[in-house]
PDB file of N, CA and C in Angstrom:
ATOM      1  N   MET A   1     -59.643  32.206 -33.698  1.00  0.00           N
ATOM      2  CA  MET A   1     -60.431  32.926 -32.697  1.00  0.00           C
ATOM      3  C   MET A   1     -59.973  34.386 -32.638  1.00  0.00           C
ATOM      4  N   ALA A   2     -60.906  35.293 -32.711  1.00  0.00           N
ATOM      5  CA  ALA A   2     -60.583  36.715 -32.690  1.00  0.00           C
ATOM      6  C   ALA A   2     -60.141  37.148 -31.294  1.00  0.00           C
ATOM      7  N   GLU A   3     -59.157  37.999 -31.266  1.00  0.00           N
ATOM      8  CA  GLU A   3     -58.687  38.556 -29.998  1.00  0.00           C
ATOM      9  C   GLU A   3     -59.332  39.919 -29.798  1.00  0.00           C
ATOM     10  N   THR A   4     -59.373  40.404 -28.565  1.00  0.00           N
ATOM     11  CA  THR A   4     -60.061  41.636 -28.243  1.00  0.00           C
ATOM     12  C   THR A   4     -59.330  42.860 -28.782  1.00  0.00           C
ATOM     13  N   CYS A   5     -60.091  43.707 -29.462  1.00  0.00           N
ATOM     14  CA  CYS A   5     -59.585  44.971 -30.004  1.00  0.00           C
ATOM     15  C   CYS A   5     -60.670  46.014 -29.804  1.00  0.00           C
ATOM     16  N   SER A   6     -60.288  47.166 -29.291  1.00  0.00           N
ATOM     17  CA  SER A   6     -61.266  48.222 -29.015  1.00  0.00           C
ATOM     18  C   SER A   6     -61.381  49.236 -30.155  1.00  0.00           C
ATOM     19  N   HIS A   7     -60.820  48.919 -31.335  1.00  0.00           N
ATOM     20  CA  HIS A   7     -60.774  49.896 -32.423  1.00  0.00           C
ATOM     21  C   HIS A   7     -61.598  49.507 -33.653  1.00  0.00           C
ATOM     22  N   LEU A   8     -62.307  48.392 -33.598  1.00  0.00           N
ATOM     23  CA  LEU A   8     -63.030  47.930 -34.780  1.00  0.00           C
ATOM     24  C   LEU A   8     -64.079  48.926 -35.261  1.00  0.00           C
ATOM     25  N   ASP A   9     -64.547  49.805 -34.370  1.00  0.00           N
ATOM     26  CA  ASP A   9     -65.525  50.824 -34.767  1.00  0.00           C
ATOM     27  C   ASP A   9     -64.897  51.928 -35.616  1.00  0.00           C
ATOM     28  N   GLN A  10     -63.575  51.914 -35.784  1.00  0.00           N
ATOM     29  CA  GLN A  10     -62.882  52.938 -36.580  1.00  0.00           C
ATOM     30  C   GLN A  10     -62.698  52.520 -38.037  1.00  0.00           C
ATOM     31  N   ILE A  11     -63.184  51.334 -38.415  1.00  0.00           N
ATOM     32  CA  ILE A  11     -63.042  50.874 -39.799  1.00  0.00           C
ATOM     33  C   ILE A  11     -63.925  51.715 -40.705  1.00  0.00           C
ATOM     34  N   LYS A  12     -63.292  52.355 -41.700  1.00  0.00           N
ATOM     35  CA  LYS A  12     -64.021  53.174 -42.669  1.00  0.00           C
ATOM     36  C   LYS A  12     -63.793  52.678 -44.094  1.00  0.00           C
ATOM     37  N   VAL A  13     -62.656  52.021 -44.331  1.00  0.00           N
ATOM     38  CA  VAL A  13     -62.259  51.551 -45.657  1.00  0.00           C
ATOM     39  C   VAL A  13     -61.916  50.074 -45.533  1.00  0.00           C
ATOM     40  N   THR A  14     -62.445  49.241 -46.433  1.00  0.00           N
ATOM     41  CA  THR A  14     -62.113  47.818 -46.357  1.00  0.00           C
ATOM     42  C   THR A  14     -61.487  47.274 -47.639  1.00  0.00           C
ATOM     43  N   HIS A  15     -61.585  48.020 -48.738  1.00  0.00           N
ATOM     44  CA  HIS A  15     -61.044  47.563 -50.020  1.00  0.00           C
ATOM     45  C   HIS A  15     -60.349  48.718 -50.735  1.00  0.00           C
ATOM     46  N   THR A  16     -59.477  48.372 -51.683  1.00  0.00           N
ATOM     47  CA  THR A  16     -58.766  49.379 -52.464  1.00  0.00           C
ATOM     48  C   THR A  16     -58.499  48.850 -53.863  1.00  0.00           C
ATOM     49  N   ASP A  17     -58.312  49.766 -54.795  1.00  0.00           N
ATOM     50  CA  ASP A  17     -57.888  49.397 -56.144  1.00  0.00           C
ATOM     51  C   ASP A  17     -56.386  49.596 -56.316  1.00  0.00           C
ATOM     52  N   VAL A  18     -55.705  50.047 -55.270  1.00  0.00           N
ATOM     53  CA  VAL A  18     -54.257  50.272 -55.309  1.00  0.00           C
ATOM     54  C   VAL A  18     -53.555  48.947 -55.009  1.00  0.00           C
ATOM     55  N   HIS A  19     -52.680  48.529 -55.900  1.00  0.00           N
ATOM     56  CA  HIS A  19     -51.979  47.259 -55.715  1.00  0.00           C
ATOM     57  C   HIS A  19     -50.466  47.429 -55.835  1.00  0.00           C
ATOM     58  N   VAL A  20     -49.992  48.595 -55.389  1.00  0.00           N
ATOM     59  CA  VAL A  20     -48.559  48.895 -55.285  1.00  0.00           C
ATOM     60  C   VAL A  20     -48.357  49.669 -53.989  1.00  0.00           C
ATOM     61  N   CYS A  21     -47.128  49.726 -53.517  1.00  0.00           N
ATOM     62  CA  CYS A  21     -46.803  50.624 -52.410  1.00  0.00           C
ATOM     63  C   CYS A  21     -46.343  51.925 -53.055  1.00  0.00           C
ATOM     64  N   PRO A  22     -47.197  52.961 -53.065  1.00  0.00           N
ATOM     65  CA  PRO A  22     -46.833  54.207 -53.743  1.00  0.00           C
ATOM     66  C   PRO A  22     -45.522  54.812 -53.252  1.00  0.00           C
ATOM     67  N   GLU A  23     -45.239  54.691 -51.951  1.00  0.00           N
ATOM     68  CA  GLU A  23     -44.004  55.259 -51.408  1.00  0.00           C
ATOM     69  C   GLU A  23     -42.785  54.494 -51.913  1.00  0.00           C
ATOM     70  N   CYS A  24     -42.890  53.172 -52.031  1.00  0.00           N
ATOM     71  CA  CYS A  24     -41.783  52.382 -52.600  1.00  0.00           C
ATOM     72  C   CYS A  24     -41.592  52.714 -54.079  1.00  0.00           C
ATOM     73  N   VAL A  25     -42.705  52.888 -54.796  1.00  0.00           N
ATOM     74  CA  VAL A  25     -42.616  53.241 -56.215  1.00  0.00           C
ATOM     75  C   VAL A  25     -41.831  54.543 -56.382  1.00  0.00           C
ATOM     76  N   LYS A  26     -42.146  55.544 -55.549  1.00  0.00           N
ATOM     77  CA  LYS A  26     -41.431  56.831 -55.616  1.00  0.00           C
ATOM     78  C   LYS A  26     -39.936  56.665 -55.355  1.00  0.00           C
ATOM     79  N   LEU A  27     -39.599  55.717 -54.467  1.00  0.00           N
ATOM     80  CA  LEU A  27     -38.195  55.478 -54.119  1.00  0.00           C
ATOM     81  C   LEU A  27     -37.488  54.556 -55.113  1.00  0.00           C
ATOM     82  N   GLY A  28     -38.256  53.941 -55.989  1.00  0.00           N
ATOM     83  CA  GLY A  28     -37.685  52.969 -56.911  1.00  0.00           C
ATOM     84  C   GLY A  28     -37.383  51.639 -56.240  1.00  0.00           C
ATOM     85  N   ASP A  29     -38.045  51.370 -55.105  1.00  0.00           N
ATOM     86  CA  ASP A  29     -37.835  50.133 -54.346  1.00  0.00           C
ATOM     87  C   ASP A  29     -38.960  49.138 -54.618  1.00  0.00           C
ATOM     88  N   THR A  30     -38.782  47.927 -54.119  1.00  0.00           N
ATOM     89  CA  THR A  30     -39.799  46.890 -54.228  1.00  0.00           C
ATOM     90  C   THR A  30     -40.330  46.583 -52.832  1.00  0.00           C
ATOM     91  N   TRP A  31     -41.356  45.751 -52.768  1.00  0.00           N
ATOM     92  CA  TRP A  31     -41.979  45.386 -51.500  1.00  0.00           C
ATOM     93  C   TRP A  31     -42.298  43.902 -51.527  1.00  0.00           C
ATOM     94  N   VAL A  32     -42.609  43.367 -50.347  1.00  0.00           N
ATOM     95  CA  VAL A  32     -42.948  41.946 -50.220  1.00  0.00           C
ATOM     96  C   VAL A  32     -44.469  41.765 -50.263  1.00  0.00           C
ATOM     97  N   HIS A  33     -45.186  42.397 -49.337  1.00  0.00           N
ATOM     98  CA  HIS A  33     -46.646  42.312 -49.266  1.00  0.00           C
ATOM     99  C   HIS A  33     -47.214  43.701 -49.004  1.00  0.00           C
ATOM    100  N   LEU A  34     -48.506  43.863 -49.291  1.00  0.00           N
ATOM    101  CA  LEU A  34     -49.164  45.163 -49.114  1.00  0.00           C
ATOM    102  C   LEU A  34     -50.205  45.115 -48.010  1.00  0.00           C
ATOM    103  N   ARG A  35     -50.327  46.234 -47.309  1.00  0.00           N
ATOM    104  CA  ARG A  35     -51.293  46.390 -46.224  1.00  0.00           C
ATOM    105  C   ARG A  35     -52.127  47.643 -46.465  1.00  0.00           C
ATOM    106  N   LEU A  36     -53.393  47.596 -46.062  1.00  0.00           N
ATOM    107  CA  LEU A  36     -54.337  48.694 -46.235  1.00  0.00           C
ATOM    108  C   LEU A  36     -54.738  49.241 -44.879  1.00  0.00           C
ATOM    109  N   CYS A  37     -54.608  50.551 -44.685  1.00  0.00           N
ATOM    110  CA  CYS A  37     -55.094  51.198 -43.476  1.00  0.00           C
ATOM    111  C   CYS A  37     -56.614  51.218 -43.550  1.00  0.00           C
ATOM    112  N   LEU A  38     -57.260  50.664 -42.533  1.00  0.00           N
ATOM    113  CA  LEU A  38     -58.715  50.564 -42.544  1.00  0.00           C
ATOM    114  C   LEU A  38     -59.414  51.851 -42.122  1.00  0.00           C
ATOM    115  N   GLU A  39     -58.644  52.857 -41.758  1.00  0.00           N
ATOM    116  CA  GLU A  39     -59.249  54.144 -41.407  1.00  0.00           C
ATOM    117  C   GLU A  39     -59.213  55.128 -42.576  1.00  0.00           C
ATOM    118  N   CYS A  40     -58.073  55.201 -43.288  1.00  0.00           N
ATOM    119  CA  CYS A  40     -57.965  56.220 -44.348  1.00  0.00           C
ATOM    120  C   CYS A  40     -57.691  55.657 -45.739  1.00  0.00           C
ATOM    121  N   GLY A  41     -57.399  54.352 -45.844  1.00  0.00           N
ATOM    122  CA  GLY A  41     -57.161  53.763 -47.158  1.00  0.00           C
ATOM    123  C   GLY A  41     -55.719  53.813 -47.640  1.00  0.00           C
ATOM    124  N   HIS A  42     -54.796  54.261 -46.804  1.00  0.00           N
ATOM    125  CA  HIS A  42     -53.371  54.285 -47.180  1.00  0.00           C
ATOM    126  C   HIS A  42     -52.900  52.863 -47.456  1.00  0.00           C
ATOM    127  N   VAL A  43     -52.192  52.673 -48.560  1.00  0.00           N
ATOM    128  CA  VAL A  43     -51.588  51.380 -48.877  1.00  0.00           C
ATOM    129  C   VAL A  43     -50.092  51.492 -48.644  1.00  0.00           C
ATOM    130  N   GLY A  44     -49.556  50.553 -47.875  1.00  0.00           N
ATOM    131  CA  GLY A  44     -48.121  50.549 -47.593  1.00  0.00           C
ATOM    132  C   GLY A  44     -47.597  49.129 -47.556  1.00  0.00           C
ATOM    133  N   CYS A  45     -46.286  49.015 -47.631  1.00  0.00           N
ATOM    134  CA  CYS A  45     -45.649  47.703 -47.612  1.00  0.00           C
ATOM    135  C   CYS A  45     -45.541  47.163 -46.187  1.00  0.00           C
ATOM    136  N   CYS A  46     -45.454  45.839 -46.083  1.00  0.00           N
ATOM    137  CA  CYS A  46     -45.439  45.142 -44.799  1.00  0.00           C
ATOM    138  C   CYS A  46     -44.088  45.249 -44.094  1.00  0.00           C
ATOM    139  N   ASP A  47     -44.022  44.715 -42.893  1.00  0.00           N
ATOM    140  CA  ASP A  47     -42.786  44.759 -42.108  1.00  0.00           C
ATOM    141  C   ASP A  47     -41.709  43.817 -42.629  1.00  0.00           C
ATOM    142  N   SER A  48     -42.054  42.903 -43.528  1.00  0.00           N
ATOM    143  CA  SER A  48     -41.039  42.071 -44.173  1.00  0.00           C
ATOM    144  C   SER A  48     -40.371  42.820 -45.322  1.00  0.00           C
ATOM    145  N   SER A  49     -40.936  43.949 -45.698  1.00  0.00           N
ATOM    146  CA  SER A  49     -40.379  44.785 -46.759  1.00  0.00           C
ATOM    147  C   SER A  49     -39.341  45.734 -46.176  1.00  0.00           C
ATOM    148  N   LYS A  50     -38.406  46.140 -47.010  1.00  0.00           N
ATOM    149  CA  LYS A  50     -37.304  47.016 -46.582  1.00  0.00           C
ATOM    150  C   LYS A  50     -37.795  48.296 -45.905  1.00  0.00           C
ATOM    151  N   ASN A  51     -38.830  48.929 -46.469  1.00  0.00           N
ATOM    152  CA  ASN A  51     -39.232  50.261 -46.005  1.00  0.00           C
ATOM    153  C   ASN A  51     -40.334  50.287 -44.949  1.00  0.00           C
ATOM    154  N   LYS A  52     -41.058  49.201 -44.767  1.00  0.00           N
ATOM    155  CA  LYS A  52     -42.094  49.102 -43.722  1.00  0.00           C
ATOM    156  C   LYS A  52     -43.054  50.296 -43.721  1.00  0.00           C
ATOM    157  N   HIS A  53     -43.545  50.681 -44.899  1.00  0.00           N
ATOM    158  CA  HIS A  53     -44.373  51.880 -45.004  1.00  0.00           C
ATOM    159  C   HIS A  53     -45.704  51.786 -44.257  1.00  0.00           C
ATOM    160  N   ALA A  54     -46.297  50.591 -44.137  1.00  0.00           N
ATOM    161  CA  ALA A  54     -47.561  50.476 -43.398  1.00  0.00           C
ATOM    162  C   ALA A  54     -47.354  50.819 -41.924  1.00  0.00           C
ATOM    163  N   THR A  55     -46.303  50.286 -41.323  1.00  0.00           N
ATOM    164  CA  THR A  55     -46.017  50.585 -39.914  1.00  0.00           C
ATOM    165  C   THR A  55     -45.598  52.041 -39.735  1.00  0.00           C
ATOM    166  N   LYS A  56     -44.843  52.580 -40.676  1.00  0.00           N
ATOM    167  CA  LYS A  56     -44.461  54.005 -40.599  1.00  0.00           C
ATOM    168  C   LYS A  56     -45.708  54.884 -40.650  1.00  0.00           C
ATOM    169  N   HIS A  57     -46.690  54.490 -41.465  1.00  0.00           N
ATOM    170  CA  HIS A  57     -47.951  55.233 -41.534  1.00  0.00           C
ATOM    171  C   HIS A  57     -48.634  55.230 -40.163  1.00  0.00           C
ATOM    172  N   PHE A  58     -48.682  54.066 -39.505  1.00  0.00           N
ATOM    173  CA  PHE A  58     -49.275  53.998 -38.164  1.00  0.00           C
ATOM    174  C   PHE A  58     -48.546  54.935 -37.200  1.00  0.00           C
ATOM    175  N   HIS A  59     -47.228  54.909 -37.187  1.00  0.00           N
ATOM    176  CA  HIS A  59     -46.478  55.769 -36.264  1.00  0.00           C
ATOM    177  C   HIS A  59     -46.702  57.252 -36.564  1.00  0.00           C
ATOM    178  N   ARG A  60     -46.915  57.577 -37.822  1.00  0.00           N
ATOM    179  CA  ARG A  60     -47.115  58.974 -38.228  1.00  0.00           C
ATOM    180  C   ARG A  60     -48.515  59.473 -37.889  1.00  0.00           C
ATOM    181  N   VAL A  61     -49.548  58.659 -38.166  1.00  0.00           N
ATOM    182  CA  VAL A  61     -50.923  59.158 -38.027  1.00  0.00           C
ATOM    183  C   VAL A  61     -51.754  58.450 -36.962  1.00  0.00           C
ATOM    184  N   LYS A  62     -51.229  57.353 -36.404  1.00  0.00           N
ATOM    185  CA  LYS A  62     -51.877  56.618 -35.307  1.00  0.00           C
ATOM    186  C   LYS A  62     -53.179  55.920 -35.676  1.00  0.00           C
ATOM    187  N   HIS A  63     -53.409  55.628 -36.950  1.00  0.00           N
ATOM    188  CA  HIS A  63     -54.574  54.820 -37.326  1.00  0.00           C
ATOM    189  C   HIS A  63     -54.259  53.375 -36.937  1.00  0.00           C
ATOM    190  N   PRO A  64     -55.075  52.753 -36.068  1.00  0.00           N
ATOM    191  CA  PRO A  64     -54.684  51.496 -35.434  1.00  0.00           C
ATOM    192  C   PRO A  64     -54.794  50.233 -36.289  1.00  0.00           C
ATOM    193  N   LEU A  65     -55.693  50.193 -37.267  1.00  0.00           N
ATOM    194  CA  LEU A  65     -56.001  48.935 -37.948  1.00  0.00           C
ATOM    195  C   LEU A  65     -55.526  48.884 -39.397  1.00  0.00           C
ATOM    196  N   ILE A  66     -54.924  47.743 -39.748  1.00  0.00           N
ATOM    197  CA  ILE A  66     -54.578  47.464 -41.140  1.00  0.00           C
ATOM    198  C   ILE A  66     -55.139  46.103 -41.503  1.00  0.00           C
ATOM    199  N   ARG A  67     -55.190  45.837 -42.793  1.00  0.00           N
ATOM    200  CA  ARG A  67     -55.522  44.504 -43.270  1.00  0.00           C
ATOM    201  C   ARG A  67     -54.549  44.135 -44.365  1.00  0.00           C
ATOM    202  N   SER A  68     -54.415  42.842 -44.578  1.00  0.00           N
ATOM    203  CA  SER A  68     -53.654  42.368 -45.725  1.00  0.00           C
ATOM    204  C   SER A  68     -54.508  42.570 -46.966  1.00  0.00           C
ATOM    205  N   ILE A  69     -53.886  43.021 -48.056  1.00  0.00           N
ATOM    206  CA  ILE A  69     -54.608  43.063 -49.331  1.00  0.00           C
ATOM    207  C   ILE A  69     -53.976  42.083 -50.313  1.00  0.00           C
ATOM    208  N   GLU A  70     -53.310  41.076 -49.755  1.00  0.00           N
ATOM    209  CA  GLU A  70     -52.796  39.998 -50.581  1.00  0.00           C
ATOM    210  C   GLU A  70     -53.958  39.098 -50.989  1.00  0.00           C
ATOM    211  N   PRO A  71     -53.906  38.518 -52.197  1.00  0.00           N
ATOM    212  CA  PRO A  71     -55.001  37.659 -52.661  1.00  0.00           C
ATOM    213  C   PRO A  71     -55.309  36.539 -51.663  1.00  0.00           C
ATOM    214  N   GLY A  72     -56.597  36.411 -51.329  1.00  0.00           N
ATOM    215  CA  GLY A  72     -57.042  35.354 -50.443  1.00  0.00           C
ATOM    216  C   GLY A  72     -56.861  35.636 -48.953  1.00  0.00           C
ATOM    217  N   GLU A  73     -56.291  36.776 -48.592  1.00  0.00           N
ATOM    218  CA  GLU A  73     -56.079  37.110 -47.179  1.00  0.00           C
ATOM    219  C   GLU A  73     -57.047  38.212 -46.745  1.00  0.00           C
ATOM    220  N   THR A  74     -57.709  38.015 -45.603  1.00  0.00           N
ATOM    221  CA  THR A  74     -58.676  39.006 -45.113  1.00  0.00           C
ATOM    222  C   THR A  74     -58.431  39.368 -43.650  1.00  0.00           C
ATOM    223  N   TRP A  75     -57.259  38.973 -43.102  1.00  0.00           N
ATOM    224  CA  TRP A  75     -57.000  39.228 -41.688  1.00  0.00           C
ATOM    225  C   TRP A  75     -56.762  40.718 -41.418  1.00  0.00           C
ATOM    226  N   ILE A  76     -57.044  41.085 -40.182  1.00  0.00           N
ATOM    227  CA  ILE A  76     -56.852  42.454 -39.685  1.00  0.00           C
ATOM    228  C   ILE A  76     -55.779  42.408 -38.600  1.00  0.00           C
ATOM    229  N   TRP A  77     -54.988  43.493 -38.489  1.00  0.00           N
ATOM    230  CA  TRP A  77     -54.014  43.636 -37.405  1.00  0.00           C
ATOM    231  C   TRP A  77     -54.251  44.979 -36.726  1.00  0.00           C
ATOM    232  N   CYS A  78     -54.248  44.980 -35.393  1.00  0.00           N
ATOM    233  CA  CYS A  78     -54.352  46.210 -34.620  1.00  0.00           C
ATOM    234  C   CYS A  78     -52.992  46.517 -34.011  1.00  0.00           C
ATOM    235  N   TYR A  79     -52.382  47.610 -34.433  1.00  0.00           N
ATOM    236  CA  TYR A  79     -51.082  48.024 -33.896  1.00  0.00           C
ATOM    237  C   TYR A  79     -51.175  48.382 -32.407  1.00  0.00           C
ATOM    238  N   VAL A  80     -52.256  49.030 -32.018  1.00  0.00           N
ATOM    239  CA  VAL A  80     -52.398  49.517 -30.640  1.00  0.00           C
ATOM    240  C   VAL A  80     -52.546  48.358 -29.655  1.00  0.00           C
ATOM    241  N   ASP A  81     -53.460  47.438 -29.958  1.00  0.00           N
ATOM    242  CA  ASP A  81     -53.718  46.318 -29.063  1.00  0.00           C
ATOM    243  C   ASP A  81     -52.793  45.132 -29.311  1.00  0.00           C
ATOM    244  N   ASP A  82     -52.008  45.180 -30.402  1.00  0.00           N
ATOM    245  CA  ASP A  82     -51.038  44.137 -30.739  1.00  0.00           C
ATOM    246  C   ASP A  82     -51.723  42.779 -30.872  1.00  0.00           C
ATOM    247  N   VAL A  83     -52.861  42.786 -31.590  1.00  0.00           N
ATOM    248  CA  VAL A  83     -53.636  41.559 -31.810  1.00  0.00           C
ATOM    249  C   VAL A  83     -54.193  41.520 -33.224  1.00  0.00           C
ATOM    250  N   SER A  84     -54.570  40.328 -33.641  1.00  0.00           N
ATOM    251  CA  SER A  84     -55.327  40.146 -34.877  1.00  0.00           C
ATOM    252  C   SER A  84     -56.777  39.890 -34.487  1.00  0.00           C
ATOM    253  N   PRO A  85     -57.632  40.920 -34.571  1.00  0.00           N
ATOM    254  CA  PRO A  85     -58.995  40.799 -34.051  1.00  0.00           C
ATOM    255  C   PRO A  85     -59.983  40.117 -34.984  1.00  0.00           C
ATOM    256  N   GLY A  86     -59.523  39.480 -36.032  1.00  0.00           N
ATOM    257  CA  GLY A  86     -60.440  38.791 -36.933  1.00  0.00           C
ATOM    258  C   GLY A  86     -60.162  39.101 -38.375  1.00  0.00           C
ATOM    259  N   GLU A  87     -61.231  39.062 -39.174  1.00  0.00           N
ATOM    260  CA  GLU A  87     -61.114  39.293 -40.602  1.00  0.00           C
ATOM    261  C   GLU A  87     -61.971  40.484 -41.027  1.00  0.00           C
ATOM    262  N   VAL A  88     -61.716  40.968 -42.221  1.00  0.00           N
ATOM    263  CA  VAL A  88     -62.426  42.132 -42.751  1.00  0.00           C
ATOM    264  C   VAL A  88     -63.898  41.782 -42.925  1.00  0.00           C
ATOM    265  N   PRO A  89     -64.775  42.621 -42.395  1.00  0.00           N
ATOM    266  CA  PRO A  89     -66.206  42.370 -42.586  1.00  0.00           C
ATOM    267  C   PRO A  89     -66.603  42.627 -44.036  1.00  0.00           C
ATOM    268  N   ASP A  90     -67.585  41.863 -44.531  1.00  0.00           N
ATOM    269  CA  ASP A  90     -68.072  42.072 -45.899  1.00  0.00           C
ATOM    270  C   ASP A  90     -68.963  43.281 -46.001  1.00  0.00           C
TER     271      ASP A  90
END
């Protein structure tokens, strides 16, 4: 069941061809999972990863929504509302 999020109208990007964390690559580090910013398309590593680049991106630019870009996963997370408001629209 989707939880309430007031930011779904800010989705501009839903897919990417990037399948690495560019910031981790620059550092020579690895990551666990990848997340896509649904406002600008930034790809960053998840909070289980050492560098937490997706969350750092949110703190830097305040874009509220990310999605998993792991195979078979379509969930969305809203940092501002602290909820998973559903899945990526087709």
